[in-house]
N, C-alpha and C. Protein backbone atom coordinates (compact mmCIF):
# COMPACT_ATOMS: atom_id res chain seq x y z
N MET A 1 -1.18 13.88 14.32
CA MET A 1 -0.83 12.48 14.15
C MET A 1 -0.61 11.80 15.49
N ALA A 2 -0.05 12.53 16.44
CA ALA A 2 0.19 11.93 17.75
C ALA A 2 -1.13 11.50 18.39
N TYR A 3 -2.16 12.33 18.22
CA TYR A 3 -3.46 11.97 18.78
C TYR A 3 -4.03 10.73 18.09
N VAL A 4 -3.91 10.65 16.77
CA VAL A 4 -4.42 9.49 16.03
C VAL A 4 -3.68 8.23 16.47
N LYS A 5 -2.36 8.30 16.61
CA LYS A 5 -1.60 7.14 17.07
C LYS A 5 -2.06 6.69 18.45
N GLU A 6 -2.24 7.64 19.35
CA GLU A 6 -2.72 7.32 20.70
C GLU A 6 -4.13 6.73 20.65
N LEU A 7 -5.00 7.38 19.87
CA LEU A 7 -6.38 6.94 19.76
C LEU A 7 -6.48 5.52 19.22
N LYS A 8 -5.77 5.24 18.14
CA LYS A 8 -5.90 3.95 17.48
C LYS A 8 -5.08 2.84 18.15
N ASN A 9 -3.84 3.15 18.55
CA ASN A 9 -2.94 2.12 19.05
C ASN A 9 -3.08 1.84 20.54
N VAL A 10 -3.43 2.85 21.30
CA VAL A 10 -3.50 2.69 22.75
C VAL A 10 -4.95 2.54 23.22
N GLU A 11 -5.77 3.52 22.85
CA GLU A 11 -7.16 3.52 23.30
C GLU A 11 -8.06 2.62 22.47
N ARG A 12 -7.57 2.21 21.30
CA ARG A 12 -8.36 1.40 20.38
C ARG A 12 -9.68 2.08 20.02
N GLY A 13 -9.59 3.40 19.87
CA GLY A 13 -10.76 4.20 19.56
C GLY A 13 -11.09 4.22 18.08
N ARG A 14 -12.15 4.91 17.74
CA ARG A 14 -12.62 5.06 16.37
C ARG A 14 -12.24 6.45 15.87
N ILE A 15 -12.09 6.58 14.57
CA ILE A 15 -11.67 7.85 13.99
C ILE A 15 -12.74 8.93 14.21
N LYS A 16 -13.97 8.53 14.44
CA LYS A 16 -15.04 9.48 14.78
C LYS A 16 -14.62 10.32 15.99
N GLU A 17 -13.91 9.69 16.92
CA GLU A 17 -13.46 10.41 18.12
C GLU A 17 -12.45 11.50 17.77
N TYR A 18 -11.67 11.28 16.73
CA TYR A 18 -10.74 12.31 16.25
C TYR A 18 -11.54 13.53 15.80
N ALA A 19 -12.58 13.29 15.03
CA ALA A 19 -13.41 14.40 14.52
C ALA A 19 -14.10 15.14 15.66
N GLU A 20 -14.43 14.44 16.73
CA GLU A 20 -15.03 15.10 17.89
C GLU A 20 -14.00 15.96 18.62
N GLU A 21 -12.76 15.50 18.65
CA GLU A 21 -11.68 16.23 19.34
C GLU A 21 -11.21 17.44 18.52
N TYR A 22 -11.22 17.29 17.18
CA TYR A 22 -10.76 18.35 16.28
C TYR A 22 -11.91 18.74 15.35
N PRO A 23 -12.66 19.78 15.69
CA PRO A 23 -13.88 20.15 14.96
C PRO A 23 -13.66 20.50 13.48
N ASN A 24 -12.44 20.84 13.09
CA ASN A 24 -12.20 21.15 11.67
C ASN A 24 -12.09 19.89 10.81
N ALA A 25 -11.96 18.74 11.44
CA ALA A 25 -11.89 17.48 10.70
C ALA A 25 -13.25 17.15 10.10
N VAL A 26 -13.23 16.55 8.92
CA VAL A 26 -14.47 16.17 8.25
C VAL A 26 -14.70 14.68 8.51
N TYR A 27 -15.88 14.37 8.99
CA TYR A 27 -16.25 12.98 9.24
C TYR A 27 -17.71 12.79 8.83
N HIS A 28 -17.97 11.77 8.02
CA HIS A 28 -19.31 11.46 7.57
C HIS A 28 -19.65 10.05 8.04
N ALA A 29 -20.48 9.95 9.05
CA ALA A 29 -20.84 8.64 9.61
C ALA A 29 -21.48 7.77 8.53
N GLY A 30 -21.01 6.53 8.45
CA GLY A 30 -21.59 5.56 7.53
C GLY A 30 -21.22 5.77 6.08
N GLU A 31 -20.31 6.68 5.79
CA GLU A 31 -19.91 6.94 4.40
C GLU A 31 -18.42 6.69 4.22
N ARG A 32 -18.04 6.49 3.00
CA ARG A 32 -16.63 6.37 2.66
C ARG A 32 -16.11 7.75 2.28
N PRO A 33 -14.82 8.01 2.49
CA PRO A 33 -14.29 9.37 2.31
C PRO A 33 -13.84 9.70 0.89
N TRP A 34 -14.07 8.84 -0.07
CA TRP A 34 -13.44 8.99 -1.38
C TRP A 34 -13.99 10.13 -2.22
N HIS A 35 -14.97 10.86 -1.74
CA HIS A 35 -15.49 12.03 -2.47
C HIS A 35 -14.88 13.34 -1.95
N GLU A 36 -14.04 13.24 -0.92
CA GLU A 36 -13.41 14.44 -0.34
C GLU A 36 -12.22 14.89 -1.17
N LYS A 37 -11.95 16.19 -1.16
CA LYS A 37 -10.77 16.73 -1.84
C LYS A 37 -9.53 16.35 -1.05
N ALA A 38 -8.53 15.84 -1.75
CA ALA A 38 -7.29 15.40 -1.09
C ALA A 38 -6.17 15.31 -2.11
N ASP A 39 -4.95 15.28 -1.62
CA ASP A 39 -3.80 15.05 -2.49
C ASP A 39 -3.47 13.57 -2.59
N ILE A 40 -3.63 12.86 -1.47
CA ILE A 40 -3.25 11.45 -1.38
C ILE A 40 -4.39 10.67 -0.75
N ALA A 41 -4.69 9.52 -1.32
CA ALA A 41 -5.69 8.62 -0.75
C ALA A 41 -5.00 7.35 -0.29
N LEU A 42 -5.35 6.90 0.90
CA LEU A 42 -4.74 5.72 1.49
C LEU A 42 -5.82 4.73 1.92
N PRO A 43 -6.36 3.96 0.98
CA PRO A 43 -7.37 2.97 1.36
C PRO A 43 -6.70 1.84 2.15
N CYS A 44 -7.07 1.73 3.40
CA CYS A 44 -6.39 0.79 4.30
C CYS A 44 -7.34 -0.08 5.11
N ALA A 45 -8.61 -0.12 4.74
CA ALA A 45 -9.55 -0.83 5.60
C ALA A 45 -9.97 -2.19 5.06
N THR A 46 -10.58 -2.22 3.90
CA THR A 46 -11.18 -3.46 3.44
C THR A 46 -10.94 -3.69 1.95
N GLN A 47 -11.18 -4.93 1.55
CA GLN A 47 -11.10 -5.30 0.14
C GLN A 47 -12.30 -4.68 -0.60
N ASN A 48 -12.08 -4.29 -1.84
CA ASN A 48 -13.15 -3.78 -2.71
C ASN A 48 -13.84 -2.53 -2.17
N GLU A 49 -13.09 -1.60 -1.58
CA GLU A 49 -13.73 -0.42 -1.02
C GLU A 49 -13.78 0.77 -1.96
N ILE A 50 -12.98 0.79 -3.03
CA ILE A 50 -13.04 1.90 -3.99
C ILE A 50 -13.50 1.36 -5.34
N ASN A 51 -14.66 1.84 -5.78
CA ASN A 51 -15.18 1.43 -7.09
C ASN A 51 -14.82 2.49 -8.13
N GLY A 52 -15.27 2.30 -9.36
CA GLY A 52 -14.93 3.22 -10.43
C GLY A 52 -15.44 4.64 -10.20
N GLU A 53 -16.66 4.76 -9.70
CA GLU A 53 -17.23 6.09 -9.44
C GLU A 53 -16.42 6.83 -8.38
N GLN A 54 -16.05 6.13 -7.32
CA GLN A 54 -15.27 6.75 -6.26
C GLN A 54 -13.86 7.09 -6.75
N ALA A 55 -13.28 6.23 -7.58
CA ALA A 55 -11.96 6.52 -8.15
C ALA A 55 -12.01 7.78 -9.00
N GLN A 56 -13.05 7.92 -9.80
CA GLN A 56 -13.19 9.11 -10.64
C GLN A 56 -13.37 10.35 -9.78
N ALA A 57 -14.10 10.22 -8.67
CA ALA A 57 -14.27 11.36 -7.76
C ALA A 57 -12.92 11.77 -7.18
N LEU A 58 -12.09 10.79 -6.83
CA LEU A 58 -10.75 11.12 -6.32
C LEU A 58 -9.94 11.88 -7.36
N ILE A 59 -9.97 11.41 -8.59
CA ILE A 59 -9.23 12.08 -9.68
C ILE A 59 -9.79 13.48 -9.89
N ASP A 60 -11.11 13.60 -9.96
CA ASP A 60 -11.75 14.90 -10.18
C ASP A 60 -11.44 15.88 -9.06
N ASN A 61 -11.20 15.36 -7.86
CA ASN A 61 -10.90 16.22 -6.71
C ASN A 61 -9.41 16.44 -6.50
N GLY A 62 -8.58 16.03 -7.47
CA GLY A 62 -7.17 16.39 -7.44
C GLY A 62 -6.21 15.42 -6.80
N VAL A 63 -6.63 14.20 -6.51
CA VAL A 63 -5.70 13.23 -5.93
C VAL A 63 -4.57 12.96 -6.91
N ILE A 64 -3.34 12.96 -6.39
CA ILE A 64 -2.17 12.69 -7.24
C ILE A 64 -1.53 11.34 -6.92
N ALA A 65 -1.97 10.70 -5.82
CA ALA A 65 -1.40 9.41 -5.45
C ALA A 65 -2.41 8.60 -4.64
N VAL A 66 -2.44 7.30 -4.93
CA VAL A 66 -3.23 6.35 -4.16
C VAL A 66 -2.27 5.22 -3.77
N ALA A 67 -2.12 5.01 -2.48
CA ALA A 67 -1.25 3.93 -1.99
C ALA A 67 -2.09 3.03 -1.09
N GLU A 68 -2.23 1.78 -1.51
CA GLU A 68 -3.07 0.85 -0.77
C GLU A 68 -2.35 0.29 0.45
N GLY A 69 -3.08 0.22 1.54
CA GLY A 69 -2.56 -0.36 2.76
C GLY A 69 -3.41 -1.52 3.22
N ALA A 70 -4.21 -2.06 2.30
CA ALA A 70 -5.06 -3.21 2.58
C ALA A 70 -4.92 -4.17 1.39
N ASN A 71 -5.50 -5.33 1.52
CA ASN A 71 -5.48 -6.29 0.42
C ASN A 71 -6.58 -5.98 -0.58
N MET A 72 -6.18 -5.54 -1.75
CA MET A 72 -7.06 -5.25 -2.88
C MET A 72 -8.23 -4.33 -2.55
N PRO A 73 -7.99 -3.14 -2.00
CA PRO A 73 -9.10 -2.25 -1.71
C PRO A 73 -9.71 -1.59 -2.96
N SER A 74 -8.99 -1.58 -4.06
CA SER A 74 -9.50 -0.94 -5.28
C SER A 74 -9.98 -1.99 -6.27
N LEU A 75 -11.20 -1.78 -6.77
CA LEU A 75 -11.75 -2.68 -7.79
C LEU A 75 -11.00 -2.46 -9.11
N PRO A 76 -11.03 -3.43 -10.02
CA PRO A 76 -10.31 -3.28 -11.30
C PRO A 76 -10.66 -2.01 -12.06
N GLU A 77 -11.94 -1.60 -12.05
CA GLU A 77 -12.29 -0.37 -12.78
C GLU A 77 -11.68 0.86 -12.12
N ALA A 78 -11.50 0.83 -10.82
CA ALA A 78 -10.85 1.94 -10.12
C ALA A 78 -9.37 2.01 -10.50
N ILE A 79 -8.73 0.86 -10.53
CA ILE A 79 -7.31 0.79 -10.89
C ILE A 79 -7.11 1.36 -12.30
N LYS A 80 -7.97 0.98 -13.22
CA LYS A 80 -7.86 1.49 -14.60
C LYS A 80 -7.98 3.02 -14.62
N ILE A 81 -8.90 3.56 -13.85
CA ILE A 81 -9.08 5.02 -13.80
C ILE A 81 -7.81 5.68 -13.25
N PHE A 82 -7.23 5.13 -12.19
CA PHE A 82 -6.00 5.68 -11.63
C PHE A 82 -4.87 5.65 -12.66
N GLN A 83 -4.73 4.52 -13.34
CA GLN A 83 -3.65 4.38 -14.31
C GLN A 83 -3.87 5.24 -15.55
N ASP A 84 -5.11 5.33 -16.01
CA ASP A 84 -5.40 6.19 -17.16
C ASP A 84 -5.12 7.65 -16.85
N ALA A 85 -5.31 8.03 -15.58
CA ALA A 85 -5.04 9.41 -15.15
C ALA A 85 -3.55 9.64 -14.91
N LYS A 86 -2.77 8.57 -14.95
CA LYS A 86 -1.30 8.62 -14.77
C LYS A 86 -0.90 9.17 -13.40
N ILE A 87 -1.71 8.86 -12.38
CA ILE A 87 -1.31 9.23 -11.03
C ILE A 87 -0.45 8.11 -10.47
N LEU A 88 0.24 8.38 -9.39
CA LEU A 88 0.99 7.34 -8.70
C LEU A 88 -0.03 6.41 -8.04
N TYR A 89 -0.06 5.17 -8.50
CA TYR A 89 -0.94 4.17 -7.90
C TYR A 89 -0.08 3.02 -7.41
N ALA A 90 -0.03 2.85 -6.10
CA ALA A 90 0.76 1.79 -5.49
C ALA A 90 -0.18 0.69 -5.01
N PRO A 91 -0.20 -0.45 -5.71
CA PRO A 91 -1.10 -1.53 -5.32
C PRO A 91 -0.65 -2.17 -4.01
N GLY A 92 -1.60 -2.71 -3.29
CA GLY A 92 -1.31 -3.33 -2.01
C GLY A 92 -0.24 -4.40 -2.07
N LYS A 93 -0.17 -5.13 -3.19
CA LYS A 93 0.83 -6.19 -3.29
C LYS A 93 2.25 -5.64 -3.19
N ALA A 94 2.41 -4.35 -3.46
CA ALA A 94 3.72 -3.70 -3.31
C ALA A 94 3.78 -2.84 -2.06
N SER A 95 2.83 -1.92 -1.93
CA SER A 95 2.89 -0.96 -0.83
C SER A 95 2.51 -1.56 0.52
N ASN A 96 1.77 -2.64 0.51
CA ASN A 96 1.32 -3.27 1.75
C ASN A 96 2.18 -4.48 2.10
N ALA A 97 3.30 -4.64 1.44
CA ALA A 97 4.16 -5.81 1.65
C ALA A 97 4.95 -5.75 2.95
N GLY A 98 4.96 -4.63 3.60
CA GLY A 98 5.74 -4.49 4.83
C GLY A 98 5.31 -5.42 5.94
N GLY A 99 4.00 -5.60 6.10
CA GLY A 99 3.49 -6.48 7.16
C GLY A 99 3.92 -7.92 6.96
N VAL A 100 3.79 -8.39 5.72
CA VAL A 100 4.21 -9.75 5.41
C VAL A 100 5.73 -9.87 5.59
N SER A 101 6.44 -8.85 5.18
CA SER A 101 7.90 -8.88 5.31
C SER A 101 8.34 -8.95 6.77
N VAL A 102 7.70 -8.17 7.62
CA VAL A 102 8.05 -8.19 9.05
C VAL A 102 7.73 -9.57 9.64
N SER A 103 6.63 -10.18 9.21
CA SER A 103 6.32 -11.53 9.67
C SER A 103 7.43 -12.50 9.26
N GLY A 104 7.91 -12.36 8.04
CA GLY A 104 9.02 -13.19 7.58
C GLY A 104 10.29 -12.95 8.38
N LEU A 105 10.55 -11.70 8.71
CA LEU A 105 11.72 -11.39 9.53
C LEU A 105 11.58 -12.01 10.93
N GLU A 106 10.37 -11.97 11.48
CA GLU A 106 10.14 -12.60 12.78
C GLU A 106 10.38 -14.10 12.72
N MET A 107 9.91 -14.74 11.65
CA MET A 107 10.12 -16.18 11.49
C MET A 107 11.61 -16.49 11.37
N SER A 108 12.34 -15.64 10.65
CA SER A 108 13.79 -15.84 10.52
C SER A 108 14.47 -15.75 11.88
N GLN A 109 14.10 -14.76 12.65
CA GLN A 109 14.68 -14.63 14.00
C GLN A 109 14.37 -15.86 14.84
N ASN A 110 13.13 -16.30 14.79
CA ASN A 110 12.73 -17.45 15.59
C ASN A 110 13.48 -18.72 15.18
N SER A 111 13.58 -18.95 13.88
CA SER A 111 14.23 -20.19 13.42
C SER A 111 15.72 -20.19 13.71
N GLU A 112 16.32 -19.02 13.73
CA GLU A 112 17.76 -18.92 14.02
C GLU A 112 18.04 -18.64 15.49
N ARG A 113 16.96 -18.53 16.27
CA ARG A 113 17.06 -18.24 17.70
C ARG A 113 17.86 -16.95 17.95
N LEU A 114 17.49 -15.94 17.16
CA LEU A 114 18.12 -14.63 17.27
C LEU A 114 17.11 -13.62 17.78
N SER A 115 17.62 -12.50 18.24
CA SER A 115 16.75 -11.39 18.63
C SER A 115 17.38 -10.11 18.10
N TRP A 116 16.73 -9.55 17.08
CA TRP A 116 17.23 -8.32 16.49
C TRP A 116 16.64 -7.12 17.22
N THR A 117 17.39 -6.03 17.20
CA THR A 117 16.87 -4.78 17.76
C THR A 117 15.81 -4.23 16.82
N SER A 118 14.99 -3.33 17.33
CA SER A 118 13.97 -2.73 16.47
C SER A 118 14.61 -1.97 15.31
N LYS A 119 15.79 -1.40 15.54
CA LYS A 119 16.50 -0.70 14.46
C LYS A 119 16.92 -1.68 13.37
N GLU A 120 17.41 -2.86 13.79
CA GLU A 120 17.81 -3.87 12.79
C GLU A 120 16.61 -4.32 11.96
N VAL A 121 15.49 -4.58 12.61
CA VAL A 121 14.29 -4.98 11.89
C VAL A 121 13.86 -3.85 10.95
N ASP A 122 13.89 -2.62 11.43
CA ASP A 122 13.51 -1.48 10.61
C ASP A 122 14.44 -1.34 9.41
N ASP A 123 15.74 -1.55 9.62
CA ASP A 123 16.70 -1.47 8.51
C ASP A 123 16.42 -2.55 7.46
N TYR A 124 16.15 -3.78 7.91
CA TYR A 124 15.80 -4.86 6.98
C TYR A 124 14.54 -4.49 6.20
N LEU A 125 13.53 -3.99 6.91
CA LEU A 125 12.27 -3.64 6.28
C LEU A 125 12.46 -2.53 5.25
N LYS A 126 13.24 -1.52 5.59
CA LYS A 126 13.51 -0.44 4.62
C LYS A 126 14.19 -0.98 3.38
N ARG A 127 15.12 -1.90 3.57
CA ARG A 127 15.82 -2.50 2.42
C ARG A 127 14.85 -3.30 1.55
N ILE A 128 13.98 -4.07 2.19
CA ILE A 128 12.99 -4.87 1.46
C ILE A 128 12.05 -3.97 0.66
N MET A 129 11.52 -2.94 1.31
CA MET A 129 10.57 -2.05 0.63
C MET A 129 11.25 -1.27 -0.49
N ASN A 130 12.50 -0.89 -0.29
CA ASN A 130 13.25 -0.21 -1.35
C ASN A 130 13.45 -1.15 -2.53
N ASP A 131 13.77 -2.41 -2.26
CA ASP A 131 13.94 -3.40 -3.34
C ASP A 131 12.63 -3.58 -4.11
N ILE A 132 11.51 -3.62 -3.39
CA ILE A 132 10.21 -3.75 -4.06
C ILE A 132 9.99 -2.56 -4.99
N HIS A 133 10.26 -1.37 -4.49
CA HIS A 133 10.10 -0.16 -5.32
C HIS A 133 11.01 -0.23 -6.55
N GLU A 134 12.28 -0.57 -6.34
CA GLU A 134 13.21 -0.63 -7.47
C GLU A 134 12.77 -1.65 -8.51
N ASN A 135 12.26 -2.80 -8.08
CA ASN A 135 11.79 -3.80 -9.03
C ASN A 135 10.53 -3.34 -9.76
N CYS A 136 9.65 -2.63 -9.07
CA CYS A 136 8.47 -2.07 -9.74
C CYS A 136 8.88 -1.06 -10.80
N VAL A 137 9.86 -0.25 -10.49
CA VAL A 137 10.36 0.72 -11.48
C VAL A 137 11.02 -0.02 -12.64
N LYS A 138 11.83 -1.02 -12.32
CA LYS A 138 12.55 -1.78 -13.36
C LYS A 138 11.58 -2.44 -14.34
N TYR A 139 10.56 -3.09 -13.84
CA TYR A 139 9.66 -3.85 -14.69
C TYR A 139 8.39 -3.11 -15.09
N GLY A 140 8.11 -1.96 -14.46
CA GLY A 140 6.86 -1.28 -14.73
C GLY A 140 6.95 0.06 -15.42
N THR A 141 8.18 0.53 -15.71
CA THR A 141 8.31 1.83 -16.37
C THR A 141 7.90 1.72 -17.83
N GLN A 142 6.95 2.56 -18.21
CA GLN A 142 6.45 2.56 -19.58
C GLN A 142 7.27 3.53 -20.44
N ALA A 143 7.06 3.47 -21.73
CA ALA A 143 7.81 4.30 -22.67
C ALA A 143 7.66 5.79 -22.38
N ASP A 144 6.51 6.20 -21.86
CA ASP A 144 6.28 7.62 -21.58
C ASP A 144 6.81 8.04 -20.20
N GLY A 145 7.44 7.09 -19.49
CA GLY A 145 8.02 7.39 -18.18
C GLY A 145 7.10 7.08 -17.00
N TYR A 146 5.82 6.83 -17.28
CA TYR A 146 4.88 6.48 -16.20
C TYR A 146 5.26 5.11 -15.64
N ILE A 147 5.23 5.01 -14.32
CA ILE A 147 5.55 3.74 -13.68
C ILE A 147 4.25 3.02 -13.34
N ASN A 148 4.03 1.91 -14.01
CA ASN A 148 2.87 1.07 -13.76
C ASN A 148 3.29 0.08 -12.66
N TYR A 149 2.99 0.43 -11.42
CA TYR A 149 3.41 -0.38 -10.28
C TYR A 149 2.71 -1.73 -10.26
N VAL A 150 1.51 -1.83 -10.83
CA VAL A 150 0.83 -3.12 -10.89
C VAL A 150 1.64 -4.07 -11.78
N LYS A 151 1.96 -3.61 -12.97
CA LYS A 151 2.75 -4.44 -13.89
C LYS A 151 4.11 -4.74 -13.28
N GLY A 152 4.75 -3.73 -12.72
CA GLY A 152 6.07 -3.92 -12.14
C GLY A 152 6.06 -4.95 -11.02
N ALA A 153 5.07 -4.88 -10.13
CA ALA A 153 4.98 -5.83 -9.02
C ALA A 153 4.68 -7.23 -9.54
N ASN A 154 3.79 -7.33 -10.54
CA ASN A 154 3.46 -8.64 -11.10
C ASN A 154 4.66 -9.29 -11.78
N VAL A 155 5.36 -8.53 -12.61
CA VAL A 155 6.52 -9.08 -13.31
C VAL A 155 7.62 -9.42 -12.32
N ALA A 156 7.85 -8.56 -11.34
CA ALA A 156 8.89 -8.83 -10.33
C ALA A 156 8.56 -10.11 -9.56
N GLY A 157 7.31 -10.29 -9.20
CA GLY A 157 6.90 -11.51 -8.50
C GLY A 157 7.09 -12.73 -9.37
N PHE A 158 6.71 -12.63 -10.64
CA PHE A 158 6.91 -13.74 -11.56
C PHE A 158 8.39 -14.07 -11.70
N MET A 159 9.22 -13.05 -11.85
CA MET A 159 10.66 -13.28 -12.02
C MET A 159 11.26 -13.96 -10.79
N LYS A 160 10.80 -13.58 -9.61
CA LYS A 160 11.31 -14.18 -8.38
C LYS A 160 10.99 -15.68 -8.35
N VAL A 161 9.75 -16.03 -8.70
CA VAL A 161 9.35 -17.44 -8.72
C VAL A 161 10.09 -18.19 -9.83
N ALA A 162 10.16 -17.59 -11.02
CA ALA A 162 10.83 -18.25 -12.15
C ALA A 162 12.31 -18.48 -11.84
N ASN A 163 12.97 -17.50 -11.28
CA ASN A 163 14.39 -17.66 -10.94
C ASN A 163 14.60 -18.73 -9.87
N ALA A 164 13.69 -18.80 -8.91
CA ALA A 164 13.79 -19.83 -7.87
C ALA A 164 13.60 -21.21 -8.49
N MET A 165 12.66 -21.33 -9.40
CA MET A 165 12.43 -22.62 -10.07
C MET A 165 13.64 -23.04 -10.89
N MET A 166 14.25 -22.09 -11.57
CA MET A 166 15.43 -22.40 -12.37
C MET A 166 16.60 -22.78 -11.46
N ALA A 167 16.74 -22.10 -10.33
CA ALA A 167 17.82 -22.41 -9.40
C ALA A 167 17.65 -23.82 -8.82
N GLN A 168 16.42 -24.28 -8.70
CA GLN A 168 16.14 -25.62 -8.19
C GLN A 168 16.19 -26.70 -9.28
N GLY A 169 16.40 -26.25 -10.53
CA GLY A 169 16.48 -27.19 -11.64
C GLY A 169 15.12 -27.68 -12.14
N ILE A 170 14.07 -27.00 -11.74
CA ILE A 170 12.72 -27.42 -12.14
C ILE A 170 12.43 -27.02 -13.59
N VAL A 171 13.00 -25.93 -14.02
CA VAL A 171 12.80 -25.44 -15.39
C VAL A 171 14.11 -25.43 -16.11
């Protein structure tokens, strides 16, 4: 991981270079990795990158969790396959909320002319992400115990807007 962090964050290199440095790594030029055997899939690059066929390949190859780190990388048919398989599926609107949250924290600091330490920002972010998880569990837990994070995130978002509207006297 240290090499990947250095490669991506400092050298701005490509993951192909990781595969060249570590010969046991699997890299397929021009292909997506969703047919590889894995426990966890982290689609973090582009919108609409996992289709139904690729989602089924992930399930068939033993994936137990998919956590999105991009905006809508899984197509609707892929999401259905993940949910039907009852794996942990964390949609980007929940799992990728950290970046938007940190931007909001930065705006708060700027408007209040404050400067928080990196630990303070990290603590706020952990609290925000924990709250998102708790709300997804609260609103997305099904009768069989499966947590539908899509439903949970959608209902939690709706409740936040509805409560704000009621607090403003709009509804």
